[in-house]
């Protein structure tokens, strides 16, 4: 079996593909097409690009409907659904708090942008609203790239965006299932290892964790305050897009979020670590949370 590794830099992080199969040229061609899709999605979704779909929406949508690419529109539809599922804990309008803090409470919320499916347009109902897909864009890019790989006949692939968002299907070069270790946010040791088979993994960590002070604070969209009560949240779901949204939501909601997650995804898996290092886990159907504690080495 051949193994091909390809990478690109997009969405302010490194994306990497590991593809396994019998035809190296075919693997490489399919992988390059998948990477082009990731780069194209950055062009559409980045809030830092003046002419991106999100850049144009943020500039113009308070005054006129803004027509966008079908991929952008589909993601915005998904975002609205995920915001409802997470009771508003995942919200791409959260960036409004940074720019309009005194008035943001009356502006923030996915109900304040309207989607017209027939015209493929986005319109704000309130001025000052800002969209930021940084909390879901990598997962969506992996999902789109994986679809292109499968459509091209690739049977074994491992994809990651900055190591915090991962998706895999098939087997590695040795015929084994793909496995990923989740690092402890305090001491860096392996917290747990998960097997990925048609599953996406997303790990979100707080800037208050000892090993991740470089991260920007995660803002609770319901209050506008930085999240400090949770150090880490990790979610395993069939969709890497959904997994990324839910890991952010669990970071915001804390233990309360696990109950919501369990109701929405009874076959999903998630772990949550609070600021004291206490870990909660939800696994298979009917399995209760397993409380345990991981102490950092001194």
C-alpha atoms as a PDB file:
ATOM      1  CA  UNK A   1       0.000   0.000   0.000  1.00  0.00           C
ATOM      2  CA  UNK A   2       1.213   3.490  -0.869  1.00  0.00           C
ATOM      3  CA  UNK A   3       1.020   6.374   1.607  1.00  0.00           C
ATOM      4  CA  UNK A   4       0.865   9.970   0.397  1.00  0.00           C
ATOM      5  CA  UNK A   5       1.096  13.015   2.651  1.00  0.00           C
ATOM      6  CA  UNK A   6       0.000  16.448   1.452  1.00  0.00           C
ATOM      7  CA  UNK A   7      -0.382  19.727   3.311  1.00  0.00           C
ATOM      8  CA  UNK A   8      -1.359  23.352   2.893  1.00  0.00           C
ATOM      9  CA  UNK A   9      -1.697  26.427   5.069  1.00  0.00           C
ATOM     10  CA  UNK A  10      -5.205  27.877   5.307  1.00  0.00           C
ATOM     11  CA  UNK A  11      -7.509  29.393   7.925  1.00  0.00           C
ATOM     12  CA  UNK A  12      -4.416  30.408   9.886  1.00  0.00           C
ATOM     13  CA  UNK A  13      -3.387  26.802  10.443  1.00  0.00           C
ATOM     14  CA  UNK A  14      -1.772  23.817   8.744  1.00  0.00           C
ATOM     15  CA  UNK A  15      -4.040  21.271   7.069  1.00  0.00           C
ATOM     16  CA  UNK A  16      -2.610  17.828   6.363  1.00  0.00           C
ATOM     17  CA  UNK A  17      -3.920  14.791   4.492  1.00  0.00           C
ATOM     18  CA  UNK A  18      -2.579  11.256   4.826  1.00  0.00           C
ATOM     19  CA  UNK A  19      -3.922   9.035   2.039  1.00  0.00           C
ATOM     20  CA  UNK A  20      -3.426   5.286   1.684  1.00  0.00           C
ATOM     21  CA  UNK A  21      -4.066   3.184  -1.432  1.00  0.00           C
ATOM     22  CA  UNK A  22      -2.536   1.272  -4.312  1.00  0.00           C
ATOM     23  CA  UNK A  23      -2.025   4.087  -6.821  1.00  0.00           C
ATOM     24  CA  UNK A  24       0.255   6.897  -5.657  1.00  0.00           C
ATOM     25  CA  UNK A  25      -0.544   9.160  -8.615  1.00  0.00           C
ATOM     26  CA  UNK A  26      -4.278   8.812  -8.020  1.00  0.00           C
ATOM     27  CA  UNK A  27      -3.866   9.463  -4.301  1.00  0.00           C
ATOM     28  CA  UNK A  28      -1.831  12.577  -5.003  1.00  0.00           C
ATOM     29  CA  UNK A  29      -4.254  13.951  -7.605  1.00  0.00           C
ATOM     30  CA  UNK A  30      -7.265  13.426  -5.322  1.00  0.00           C
ATOM     31  CA  UNK A  31      -5.420  14.922  -2.371  1.00  0.00           C
ATOM     32  CA  UNK A  32      -4.435  18.027  -4.309  1.00  0.00           C
ATOM     33  CA  UNK A  33      -8.065  18.548  -5.340  1.00  0.00           C
ATOM     34  CA  UNK A  34      -9.119  18.251  -1.676  1.00  0.00           C
ATOM     35  CA  UNK A  35      -6.500  20.808  -0.618  1.00  0.00           C
ATOM     36  CA  UNK A  36      -7.697  23.212  -3.314  1.00  0.00           C
ATOM     37  CA  UNK A  37     -11.185  22.970  -1.825  1.00  0.00           C
ATOM     38  CA  UNK A  38      -9.816  23.855   1.623  1.00  0.00           C
ATOM     39  CA  UNK A  39      -8.000  26.905   0.234  1.00  0.00           C
ATOM     40  CA  UNK A  40     -11.122  27.944  -1.690  1.00  0.00           C
ATOM     41  CA  UNK A  41     -13.214  27.697   1.470  1.00  0.00           C
ATOM     42  CA  UNK A  42     -10.795  30.014   3.246  1.00  0.00           C
ATOM     43  CA  UNK A  43     -11.324  32.508   0.405  1.00  0.00           C
ATOM     44  CA  UNK A  44     -15.071  32.305   0.999  1.00  0.00           C
ATOM     45  CA  UNK A  45     -15.259  32.095   4.778  1.00  0.00           C
ATOM     46  CA  UNK A  46     -12.455  34.244   6.203  1.00  0.00           C
ATOM     47  CA  UNK A  47     -13.640  37.336   8.035  1.00  0.00           C
ATOM     48  CA  UNK A  48     -10.171  38.817   7.492  1.00  0.00           C
ATOM     49  CA  UNK A  49     -10.534  38.945   3.693  1.00  0.00           C
ATOM     50  CA  UNK A  50     -12.307  42.062   2.434  1.00  0.00           C
ATOM     51  CA  UNK A  51     -13.822  40.308  -0.595  1.00  0.00           C
ATOM     52  CA  UNK A  52     -14.707  36.972   1.023  1.00  0.00           C
ATOM     53  CA  UNK A  53     -18.362  36.038   1.421  1.00  0.00           C
ATOM     54  CA  UNK A  54     -18.140  36.658   5.171  1.00  0.00           C
ATOM     55  CA  UNK A  55     -16.204  39.889   4.657  1.00  0.00           C
ATOM     56  CA  UNK A  56     -18.891  41.188   2.275  1.00  0.00           C
ATOM     57  CA  UNK A  57     -21.688  40.047   4.587  1.00  0.00           C
ATOM     58  CA  UNK A  58     -20.153  41.876   7.553  1.00  0.00           C
ATOM     59  CA  UNK A  59     -19.735  45.073   5.511  1.00  0.00           C
ATOM     60  CA  UNK A  60     -22.980  45.130   3.562  1.00  0.00           C
ATOM     61  CA  UNK A  61     -25.676  42.834   4.962  1.00  0.00           C
ATOM     62  CA  UNK A  62     -27.100  45.428   7.356  1.00  0.00           C
ATOM     63  CA  UNK A  63     -28.013  47.543   4.322  1.00  0.00           C
ATOM     64  CA  UNK A  64     -28.784  45.035   1.553  1.00  0.00           C
ATOM     65  CA  UNK A  65     -29.068  41.291   0.909  1.00  0.00           C
ATOM     66  CA  UNK A  66     -25.676  39.795   0.040  1.00  0.00           C
ATOM     67  CA  UNK A  67     -25.518  36.916  -2.435  1.00  0.00           C
ATOM     68  CA  UNK A  68     -23.027  34.194  -1.468  1.00  0.00           C
ATOM     69  CA  UNK A  69     -21.566  30.938  -2.731  1.00  0.00           C
ATOM     70  CA  UNK A  70     -23.714  27.838  -2.199  1.00  0.00           C
ATOM     71  CA  UNK A  71     -21.105  26.370   0.145  1.00  0.00           C
ATOM     72  CA  UNK A  72     -21.186  29.452   2.351  1.00  0.00           C
ATOM     73  CA  UNK A  73     -24.975  29.453   2.364  1.00  0.00           C
ATOM     74  CA  UNK A  74     -25.181  25.772   3.299  1.00  0.00           C
ATOM     75  CA  UNK A  75     -22.790  26.305   6.188  1.00  0.00           C
ATOM     76  CA  UNK A  76     -24.795  29.270   7.465  1.00  0.00           C
ATOM     77  CA  UNK A  77     -27.932  27.120   7.387  1.00  0.00           C
ATOM     78  CA  UNK A  78     -26.086  24.493   9.426  1.00  0.00           C
ATOM     79  CA  UNK A  79     -24.859  27.132  11.850  1.00  0.00           C
ATOM     80  CA  UNK A  80     -28.401  28.234  12.653  1.00  0.00           C
ATOM     81  CA  UNK A  81     -29.389  24.644  13.386  1.00  0.00           C
ATOM     82  CA  UNK A  82     -26.328  24.050  15.586  1.00  0.00           C
ATOM     83  CA  UNK A  83     -26.986  27.230  17.535  1.00  0.00           C
ATOM     84  CA  UNK A  84     -30.490  25.999  18.339  1.00  0.00           C
ATOM     85  CA  UNK A  85     -29.216  22.528  19.288  1.00  0.00           C
ATOM     86  CA  UNK A  86     -26.640  23.981  21.699  1.00  0.00           C
ATOM     87  CA  UNK A  87     -29.104  26.432  23.281  1.00  0.00           C
ATOM     88  CA  UNK A  88     -27.141  29.340  21.823  1.00  0.00           C
ATOM     89  CA  UNK A  89     -23.769  28.297  23.268  1.00  0.00           C
ATOM     90  CA  UNK A  90     -22.382  27.973  19.746  1.00  0.00           C
ATOM     91  CA  UNK A  91     -23.005  31.236  17.934  1.00  0.00           C
ATOM     92  CA  UNK A  92     -21.045  32.681  15.006  1.00  0.00           C
ATOM     93  CA  UNK A  93     -22.255  36.194  15.883  1.00  0.00           C
ATOM     94  CA  UNK A  94     -20.170  36.073  19.078  1.00  0.00           C
ATOM     95  CA  UNK A  95     -17.558  38.356  17.468  1.00  0.00           C
ATOM     96  CA  UNK A  96     -20.089  41.166  17.842  1.00  0.00           C
ATOM     97  CA  UNK A  97     -19.091  41.323  21.521  1.00  0.00           C
ATOM     98  CA  UNK A  98     -15.575  42.421  20.539  1.00  0.00           C
ATOM     99  CA  UNK A  99     -16.725  45.361  18.412  1.00  0.00           C
ATOM    100  CA  UNK A 100     -20.000  46.408  20.021  1.00  0.00           C
ATOM    101  CA  UNK A 101     -19.615  45.320  23.625  1.00  0.00           C
ATOM    102  CA  UNK A 102     -21.912  47.868  25.220  1.00  0.00           C
ATOM    103  CA  UNK A 103     -24.753  47.133  22.790  1.00  0.00           C
ATOM    104  CA  UNK A 104     -23.924  43.546  21.824  1.00  0.00           C
ATOM    105  CA  UNK A 105     -26.496  41.824  24.036  1.00  0.00           C
ATOM    106  CA  UNK A 106     -29.306  43.206  21.886  1.00  0.00           C
ATOM    107  CA  UNK A 107     -27.502  42.306  18.633  1.00  0.00           C
ATOM    108  CA  UNK A 108     -25.902  38.888  19.167  1.00  0.00           C
ATOM    109  CA  UNK A 109     -27.832  35.847  17.948  1.00  0.00           C
ATOM    110  CA  UNK A 110     -28.257  33.822  14.764  1.00  0.00           C
ATOM    111  CA  UNK A 111     -31.888  34.924  14.516  1.00  0.00           C
ATOM    112  CA  UNK A 112     -30.544  38.356  13.607  1.00  0.00           C
ATOM    113  CA  UNK A 113     -29.384  37.296  10.168  1.00  0.00           C
ATOM    114  CA  UNK A 114     -31.841  36.031   7.577  1.00  0.00           C
ATOM    115  CA  UNK A 115     -31.220  33.479   4.836  1.00  0.00           C
ATOM    116  CA  UNK A 116     -33.093  33.514   1.534  1.00  0.00           C
ATOM    117  CA  UNK A 117     -32.583  30.078  -0.002  1.00  0.00           C
ATOM    118  CA  UNK A 118     -34.120  30.962  -3.360  1.00  0.00           C
ATOM    119  CA  UNK A 119     -31.922  34.046  -3.855  1.00  0.00           C
ATOM    120  CA  UNK A 120     -28.957  32.559  -1.931  1.00  0.00           C
ATOM    121  CA  UNK A 121     -28.595  35.777   0.066  1.00  0.00           C
ATOM    122  CA  UNK A 122     -27.864  36.854   3.642  1.00  0.00           C
ATOM    123  CA  UNK A 123     -29.391  39.923   5.308  1.00  0.00           C
ATOM    124  CA  UNK A 124     -28.828  41.359   8.784  1.00  0.00           C
ATOM    125  CA  UNK A 125     -31.819  42.574  10.754  1.00  0.00           C
ATOM    126  CA  UNK A 126     -29.633  44.713  13.038  1.00  0.00           C
ATOM    127  CA  UNK A 127     -26.656  46.955  12.414  1.00  0.00           C
ATOM    128  CA  UNK A 128     -23.410  46.068  14.145  1.00  0.00           C
ATOM    129  CA  UNK A 129     -23.794  42.307  13.762  1.00  0.00           C
ATOM    130  CA  UNK A 130     -20.601  40.448  12.817  1.00  0.00           C
ATOM    131  CA  UNK A 131     -20.193  36.834  11.667  1.00  0.00           C
ATOM    132  CA  UNK A 132     -17.093  34.785  12.475  1.00  0.00           C
ATOM    133  CA  UNK A 133     -16.813  31.179  11.285  1.00  0.00           C
ATOM    134  CA  UNK A 134     -13.519  30.545  13.070  1.00  0.00           C
ATOM    135  CA  UNK A 135     -15.235  28.101  15.436  1.00  0.00           C
ATOM    136  CA  UNK A 136     -16.533  25.829  12.687  1.00  0.00           C
ATOM    137  CA  UNK A 137     -14.665  26.578   9.456  1.00  0.00           C
ATOM    138  CA  UNK A 138     -11.931  23.962   9.882  1.00  0.00           C
ATOM    139  CA  UNK A 139     -14.429  21.192  10.551  1.00  0.00           C
ATOM    140  CA  UNK A 140     -16.475  22.198   7.499  1.00  0.00           C
ATOM    141  CA  UNK A 141     -13.326  22.283   5.355  1.00  0.00           C
ATOM    142  CA  UNK A 142     -12.425  18.765   6.476  1.00  0.00           C
ATOM    143  CA  UNK A 143     -15.948  17.544   5.739  1.00  0.00           C
ATOM    144  CA  UNK A 144     -15.903  19.028   2.233  1.00  0.00           C
ATOM    145  CA  UNK A 145     -12.397  17.690   1.543  1.00  0.00           C
ATOM    146  CA  UNK A 146     -13.333  14.207   2.748  1.00  0.00           C
ATOM    147  CA  UNK A 147     -16.348  14.154   0.433  1.00  0.00           C
ATOM    148  CA  UNK A 148     -14.150  15.010  -2.543  1.00  0.00           C
ATOM    149  CA  UNK A 149     -11.715  12.248  -1.593  1.00  0.00           C
ATOM    150  CA  UNK A 150     -14.507   9.690  -1.320  1.00  0.00           C
ATOM    151  CA  UNK A 151     -16.029  10.852  -4.616  1.00  0.00           C
ATOM    152  CA  UNK A 152     -12.601  10.240  -6.173  1.00  0.00           C
ATOM    153  CA  UNK A 153     -12.588   6.670  -4.871  1.00  0.00           C
ATOM    154  CA  UNK A 154     -10.173   7.136  -1.962  1.00  0.00           C
ATOM    155  CA  UNK A 155     -10.919   4.520   0.697  1.00  0.00           C
ATOM    156  CA  UNK A 156      -8.390   5.360   3.413  1.00  0.00           C
ATOM    157  CA  UNK A 157      -7.678   8.884   4.624  1.00  0.00           C
ATOM    158  CA  UNK A 158      -6.710  10.880   7.685  1.00  0.00           C
ATOM    159  CA  UNK A 159      -7.309  14.635   7.598  1.00  0.00           C
ATOM    160  CA  UNK A 160      -6.593  17.282  10.198  1.00  0.00           C
ATOM    161  CA  UNK A 161      -6.715  21.052  10.480  1.00  0.00           C
ATOM    162  CA  UNK A 162      -4.231  22.323  13.013  1.00  0.00           C
ATOM    163  CA  UNK A 163      -4.557  19.019  14.944  1.00  0.00           C
ATOM    164  CA  UNK A 164      -7.610  20.378  16.816  1.00  0.00           C
ATOM    165  CA  UNK A 165     -10.053  19.186  14.120  1.00  0.00           C
ATOM    166  CA  UNK A 166      -9.622  15.699  12.703  1.00  0.00           C
ATOM    167  CA  UNK A 167     -11.550  13.338  10.434  1.00  0.00           C
ATOM    168  CA  UNK A 168     -10.615   9.857   9.213  1.00  0.00           C
ATOM    169  CA  UNK A 169     -12.040   6.884   7.370  1.00  0.00           C
ATOM    170  CA  UNK A 170     -10.669   3.502   6.343  1.00  0.00           C
ATOM    171  CA  UNK A 171      -7.315   2.265   7.656  1.00  0.00           C
ATOM    172  CA  UNK A 172      -3.705   3.361   7.917  1.00  0.00           C
ATOM    173  CA  UNK A 173      -0.826   1.864   5.894  1.00  0.00           C
ATOM    174  CA  UNK A 174      -0.630  -1.126   8.234  1.00  0.00           C
ATOM    175  CA  UNK A 175      -4.332  -1.923   7.980  1.00  0.00           C
ATOM    176  CA  UNK A 176      -5.113  -0.566  11.439  1.00  0.00           C
ATOM    177  CA  UNK A 177      -7.832   1.894  12.375  1.00  0.00           C
ATOM    178  CA  UNK A 178      -6.690   5.497  12.663  1.00  0.00           C
ATOM    179  CA  UNK A 179      -6.079   6.569  16.260  1.00  0.00           C
ATOM    180  CA  UNK A 180      -5.596   9.983  17.847  1.00  0.00           C
ATOM    181  CA  UNK A 181      -4.306  10.853  21.308  1.00  0.00           C
ATOM    182  CA  UNK A 182      -5.853  13.777  23.209  1.00  0.00           C
ATOM    183  CA  UNK A 183      -3.310  15.639  25.318  1.00  0.00           C
ATOM    184  CA  UNK A 184      -3.953  16.645  28.902  1.00  0.00           C
ATOM    185  CA  UNK A 185      -4.302  20.474  28.986  1.00  0.00           C
ATOM    186  CA  UNK A 186      -2.311  20.758  32.217  1.00  0.00           C
ATOM    187  CA  UNK A 187       0.650  18.398  31.897  1.00  0.00           C
ATOM    188  CA  UNK A 188       0.625  17.428  28.217  1.00  0.00           C
ATOM    189  CA  UNK A 189       0.441  13.696  28.881  1.00  0.00           C
ATOM    190  CA  UNK A 190      -1.964  11.525  26.902  1.00  0.00           C
ATOM    191  CA  UNK A 191      -5.408  11.969  28.394  1.00  0.00           C
ATOM    192  CA  UNK A 192      -7.079   9.340  26.236  1.00  0.00           C
ATOM    193  CA  UNK A 193      -6.823   7.789  22.778  1.00  0.00           C
ATOM    194  CA  UNK A 194      -9.765   7.588  20.384  1.00  0.00           C
ATOM    195  CA  UNK A 195     -10.296   5.491  17.260  1.00  0.00           C
ATOM    196  CA  UNK A 196     -11.549   7.311  14.182  1.00  0.00           C
ATOM    197  CA  UNK A 197     -13.584   5.384  11.630  1.00  0.00           C
ATOM    198  CA  UNK A 198     -15.860   7.702   9.680  1.00  0.00           C
ATOM    199  CA  UNK A 199     -15.753  10.026  12.659  1.00  0.00           C
ATOM    200  CA  UNK A 200     -14.680  13.582  13.295  1.00  0.00           C
ATOM    201  CA  UNK A 201     -12.895  14.699  16.457  1.00  0.00           C
ATOM    202  CA  UNK A 202     -12.711  18.281  17.673  1.00  0.00           C
ATOM    203  CA  UNK A 203     -10.807  19.478  20.738  1.00  0.00           C
ATOM    204  CA  UNK A 204     -11.348  22.955  22.173  1.00  0.00           C
ATOM    205  CA  UNK A 205      -9.180  24.332  24.955  1.00  0.00           C
ATOM    206  CA  UNK A 206      -9.474  27.446  27.071  1.00  0.00           C
ATOM    207  CA  UNK A 207      -6.788  30.141  27.015  1.00  0.00           C
ATOM    208  CA  UNK A 208      -6.676  29.700  30.790  1.00  0.00           C
ATOM    209  CA  UNK A 209      -5.263  26.162  30.466  1.00  0.00           C
ATOM    210  CA  UNK A 210      -1.574  26.079  31.459  1.00  0.00           C
ATOM    211  CA  UNK A 211      -0.479  24.662  28.090  1.00  0.00           C
ATOM    212  CA  UNK A 212      -2.615  26.938  25.898  1.00  0.00           C
ATOM    213  CA  UNK A 213      -2.214  30.550  27.125  1.00  0.00           C
ATOM    214  CA  UNK A 214      -1.572  31.587  23.501  1.00  0.00           C
ATOM    215  CA  UNK A 215      -5.176  30.864  22.520  1.00  0.00           C
ATOM    216  CA  UNK A 216      -7.620  33.729  22.186  1.00  0.00           C
ATOM    217  CA  UNK A 217     -10.270  33.655  24.909  1.00  0.00           C
ATOM    218  CA  UNK A 218     -13.447  31.749  24.096  1.00  0.00           C
ATOM    219  CA  UNK A 219     -16.341  34.152  24.644  1.00  0.00           C
ATOM    220  CA  UNK A 220     -19.673  33.015  26.031  1.00  0.00           C
ATOM    221  CA  UNK A 221     -22.113  34.421  23.447  1.00  0.00           C
ATOM    222  CA  UNK A 222     -24.840  34.582  26.088  1.00  0.00           C
ATOM    223  CA  UNK A 223     -22.887  36.885  28.420  1.00  0.00           C
ATOM    224  CA  UNK A 224     -19.959  38.329  26.474  1.00  0.00           C
ATOM    225  CA  UNK A 225     -17.547  37.113  29.175  1.00  0.00           C
ATOM    226  CA  UNK A 226     -14.465  34.910  28.586  1.00  0.00           C
ATOM    227  CA  UNK A 227     -14.879  31.232  29.475  1.00  0.00           C
ATOM    228  CA  UNK A 228     -12.716  30.337  32.479  1.00  0.00           C
ATOM    229  CA  UNK A 229     -14.575  27.463  34.164  1.00  0.00           C
ATOM    230  CA  UNK A 230     -13.618  24.842  31.538  1.00  0.00           C
ATOM    231  CA  UNK A 231     -10.121  23.867  30.421  1.00  0.00           C
ATOM    232  CA  UNK A 232     -10.907  21.390  27.653  1.00  0.00           C
ATOM    233  CA  UNK A 233     -13.768  19.885  25.695  1.00  0.00           C
ATOM    234  CA  UNK A 234     -13.482  17.116  23.096  1.00  0.00           C
ATOM    235  CA  UNK A 235     -16.247  15.710  20.918  1.00  0.00           C
ATOM    236  CA  UNK A 236     -16.469  12.720  18.589  1.00  0.00           C
ATOM    237  CA  UNK A 237     -19.256  12.752  15.969  1.00  0.00           C
ATOM    238  CA  UNK A 238     -19.790  11.507  12.400  1.00  0.00           C
ATOM    239  CA  UNK A 239     -19.605  15.108  11.145  1.00  0.00           C
ATOM    240  CA  UNK A 240     -16.398  17.086  11.811  1.00  0.00           C
ATOM    241  CA  UNK A 241     -18.451  20.259  11.274  1.00  0.00           C
ATOM    242  CA  UNK A 242     -20.835  19.327  14.082  1.00  0.00           C
ATOM    243  CA  UNK A 243     -17.995  18.099  16.287  1.00  0.00           C
ATOM    244  CA  UNK A 244     -16.234  21.465  16.086  1.00  0.00           C
ATOM    245  CA  UNK A 245     -19.373  23.398  16.955  1.00  0.00           C
ATOM    246  CA  UNK A 246     -20.182  21.098  19.879  1.00  0.00           C
ATOM    247  CA  UNK A 247     -16.674  21.211  21.375  1.00  0.00           C
ATOM    248  CA  UNK A 248     -16.962  25.004  21.480  1.00  0.00           C
ATOM    249  CA  UNK A 249     -20.451  24.767  22.982  1.00  0.00           C
ATOM    250  CA  UNK A 250     -19.298  22.365  25.706  1.00  0.00           C
ATOM    251  CA  UNK A 251     -16.412  24.661  26.565  1.00  0.00           C
ATOM    252  CA  UNK A 252     -18.972  27.439  27.074  1.00  0.00           C
ATOM    253  CA  UNK A 253     -21.658  25.427  28.878  1.00  0.00           C
ATOM    254  CA  UNK A 254     -19.495  23.239  31.083  1.00  0.00           C
ATOM    255  CA  UNK A 255     -21.081  20.170  32.705  1.00  0.00           C
ATOM    256  CA  UNK A 256     -24.580  21.378  31.884  1.00  0.00           C
ATOM    257  CA  UNK A 257     -23.632  21.003  28.221  1.00  0.00           C
ATOM    258  CA  UNK A 258     -22.991  17.274  28.545  1.00  0.00           C
ATOM    259  CA  UNK A 259     -26.639  16.711  29.439  1.00  0.00           C
ATOM    260  CA  UNK A 260     -27.723  18.651  26.356  1.00  0.00           C
ATOM    261  CA  UNK A 261     -25.198  16.797  24.197  1.00  0.00           C
ATOM    262  CA  UNK A 262     -26.410  13.437  25.492  1.00  0.00           C
ATOM    263  CA  UNK A 263     -29.991  14.246  24.475  1.00  0.00           C
ATOM    264  CA  UNK A 264     -28.977  15.490  21.025  1.00  0.00           C
ATOM    265  CA  UNK A 265     -26.371  12.810  20.272  1.00  0.00           C
ATOM    266  CA  UNK A 266     -27.029   9.643  22.302  1.00  0.00           C
ATOM    267  CA  UNK A 267     -24.465   7.767  20.189  1.00  0.00           C
ATOM    268  CA  UNK A 268     -21.834  10.484  20.434  1.00  0.00           C
ATOM    269  CA  UNK A 269     -18.812  10.760  22.713  1.00  0.00           C
ATOM    270  CA  UNK A 270     -17.508  13.734  24.651  1.00  0.00           C
ATOM    271  CA  UNK A 271     -15.177  14.627  27.508  1.00  0.00           C
ATOM    272  CA  UNK A 272     -15.037  17.803  29.529  1.00  0.00           C
ATOM    273  CA  UNK A 273     -12.394  19.033  31.985  1.00  0.00           C
ATOM    274  CA  UNK A 274     -13.145  21.835  34.421  1.00  0.00           C
ATOM    275  CA  UNK A 275     -10.714  24.404  35.798  1.00  0.00           C
ATOM    276  CA  UNK A 276      -9.806  22.126  38.722  1.00  0.00           C
ATOM    277  CA  UNK A 277      -8.818  19.221  36.455  1.00  0.00           C
ATOM    278  CA  UNK A 278     -11.977  17.190  37.074  1.00  0.00           C
ATOM    279  CA  UNK A 279     -13.023  15.176  34.047  1.00  0.00           C
ATOM    280  CA  UNK A 280     -16.507  14.178  32.932  1.00  0.00           C
ATOM    281  CA  UNK A 281     -17.184  11.791  30.087  1.00  0.00           C
ATOM    282  CA  UNK A 282     -20.178  10.721  28.046  1.00  0.00           C
ATOM    283  CA  UNK A 283     -19.923   7.622  25.878  1.00  0.00           C
ATOM    284  CA  UNK A 284     -22.376   5.062  24.514  1.00  0.00           C
ATOM    285  CA  UNK A 285     -26.149   4.908  24.816  1.00  0.00           C
ATOM    286  CA  UNK A 286     -27.184   4.293  28.401  1.00  0.00           C
ATOM    287  CA  UNK A 287     -23.742   4.972  29.810  1.00  0.00           C
ATOM    288  CA  UNK A 288     -23.734   7.498  32.629  1.00  0.00           C
ATOM    289  CA  UNK A 289     -21.092  10.161  33.102  1.00  0.00           C
ATOM    290  CA  UNK A 290     -17.885   8.796  34.579  1.00  0.00           C
ATOM    291  CA  UNK A 291     -16.330  11.236  37.060  1.00  0.00           C
ATOM    292  CA  UNK A 292     -12.562  11.024  37.450  1.00  0.00           C
ATOM    293  CA  UNK A 293      -9.658  13.307  38.170  1.00  0.00           C
ATOM    294  CA  UNK A 294      -6.335  13.751  36.412  1.00  0.00           C
ATOM    295  CA  UNK A 295      -3.687  15.553  38.428  1.00  0.00           C
ATOM    296  CA  UNK A 296      -0.798  17.444  36.898  1.00  0.00           C
ATOM    297  CA  UNK A 297       2.719  16.388  37.779  1.00  0.00           C
ATOM    298  CA  UNK A 298       4.556  18.751  40.104  1.00  0.00           C
END
